[in-house]
Amino acid sequence: MDFESTVTEIVKLPVVDRLAIVQRVLDSIAGEMEEDEVEFSPEFHAELSRRIAADEANPERGIPWEVVEAESESREAQ
């Protein structure tokens, strides 16, 4: 199957399945990529640093992934 045919079939799948495919593709890229292969802008690094500092200053503000996932699944079931 060629690329376009594959994409055509993928977009026919339910959203949850397409998201699972996206996650697998991203995981495969991350697994193959070396840290120094990607260069991020100074603005990106500054924003990332800001978010990490905000999280460390107020860790109770975050929502555990399990809670987010359960809420998402419950909305899908409706």
Protein backbone atom coordinates (compact mmCIF):
# COMPACT_ATOMS: atom_id res chain seq x y z
CA MET A 1 0.00 0.00 0.00
CA ASP A 2 1.41 3.42 -0.89
CA PHE A 3 1.54 6.43 1.41
CA GLU A 4 -1.61 8.16 0.13
CA SER A 5 -3.66 4.95 0.31
CA THR A 6 -2.44 4.37 3.84
CA VAL A 7 -3.40 7.91 4.89
CA THR A 8 -6.79 7.55 3.22
CA GLU A 9 -7.46 4.40 5.25
CA ILE A 10 -6.18 5.94 8.47
CA VAL A 11 -8.46 8.98 8.27
CA LYS A 12 -11.46 6.62 8.05
CA LEU A 13 -10.68 5.25 11.51
CA PRO A 14 -12.32 6.55 14.69
CA VAL A 15 -10.56 9.48 16.34
CA VAL A 16 -9.34 7.40 19.27
CA ASP A 17 -7.62 4.97 16.89
CA ARG A 18 -6.05 7.81 14.90
CA LEU A 19 -4.73 9.34 18.10
CA ALA A 20 -3.22 5.98 19.04
CA ILE A 21 -1.49 5.88 15.65
CA VAL A 22 -0.14 9.41 16.15
CA GLN A 23 1.19 8.45 19.58
CA ARG A 24 2.91 5.36 18.19
CA VAL A 25 4.50 7.37 15.40
CA LEU A 26 5.73 10.03 17.83
CA ASP A 27 7.07 7.34 20.17
CA SER A 28 8.91 5.70 17.29
CA ILE A 29 10.47 9.02 16.28
CA ALA A 30 11.51 9.78 19.84
CA GLY A 31 13.03 6.33 20.15
CA GLU A 32 15.16 6.80 17.05
CA MET A 33 16.17 10.39 17.53
CA GLU A 34 19.28 11.55 19.31
CA GLU A 35 18.85 14.48 21.67
CA ASP A 36 21.26 16.67 19.70
CA GLU A 37 19.46 16.06 16.39
CA VAL A 38 16.77 18.65 17.10
CA GLU A 39 17.47 22.27 17.75
CA PHE A 40 14.87 24.35 19.54
CA SER A 41 14.70 28.11 19.53
CA PRO A 42 15.75 30.15 22.56
CA GLU A 43 12.08 31.13 22.92
CA PHE A 44 11.06 27.47 23.13
CA HIS A 45 13.68 26.79 25.81
CA ALA A 46 12.57 29.86 27.76
CA GLU A 47 8.92 28.78 27.62
CA LEU A 48 9.80 25.23 28.64
CA SER A 49 11.87 26.54 31.56
CA ARG A 50 9.00 28.81 32.61
CA ARG A 51 6.52 25.92 32.57
CA ILE A 52 8.83 23.62 34.50
CA ALA A 53 9.39 26.32 37.13
CA ALA A 54 5.63 26.96 37.40
CA ASP A 55 4.98 23.24 37.85
CA GLU A 56 7.70 22.88 40.47
CA ALA A 57 6.36 25.93 42.35
CA ASN A 58 2.77 24.59 42.39
CA PRO A 59 2.77 20.83 41.79
CA GLU A 60 -0.76 20.49 43.20
CA ARG A 61 -2.16 22.45 40.23
CA GLY A 62 -1.47 19.60 37.83
CA ILE A 63 -3.99 16.91 36.94
CA PRO A 64 -2.71 13.34 36.91
CA TRP A 65 -2.80 11.67 33.49
CA GLU A 66 -5.02 8.89 34.84
CA VAL A 67 -7.70 11.47 35.76
CA VAL A 68 -7.52 13.18 32.37
CA GLU A 69 -7.69 9.83 30.58
CA ALA A 70 -10.65 8.61 32.66
CA GLU A 71 -12.58 11.84 32.04
CA SER A 72 -11.88 11.59 28.32
CA GLU A 73 -13.02 7.98 28.16
CA SER A 74 -16.18 8.79 30.10
CA ARG A 75 -17.02 11.59 27.64
CA GLU A 76 -16.48 9.22 24.71
CA ALA A 77 -18.86 6.69 26.24
CA GLN A 78 -21.69 9.22 26.35
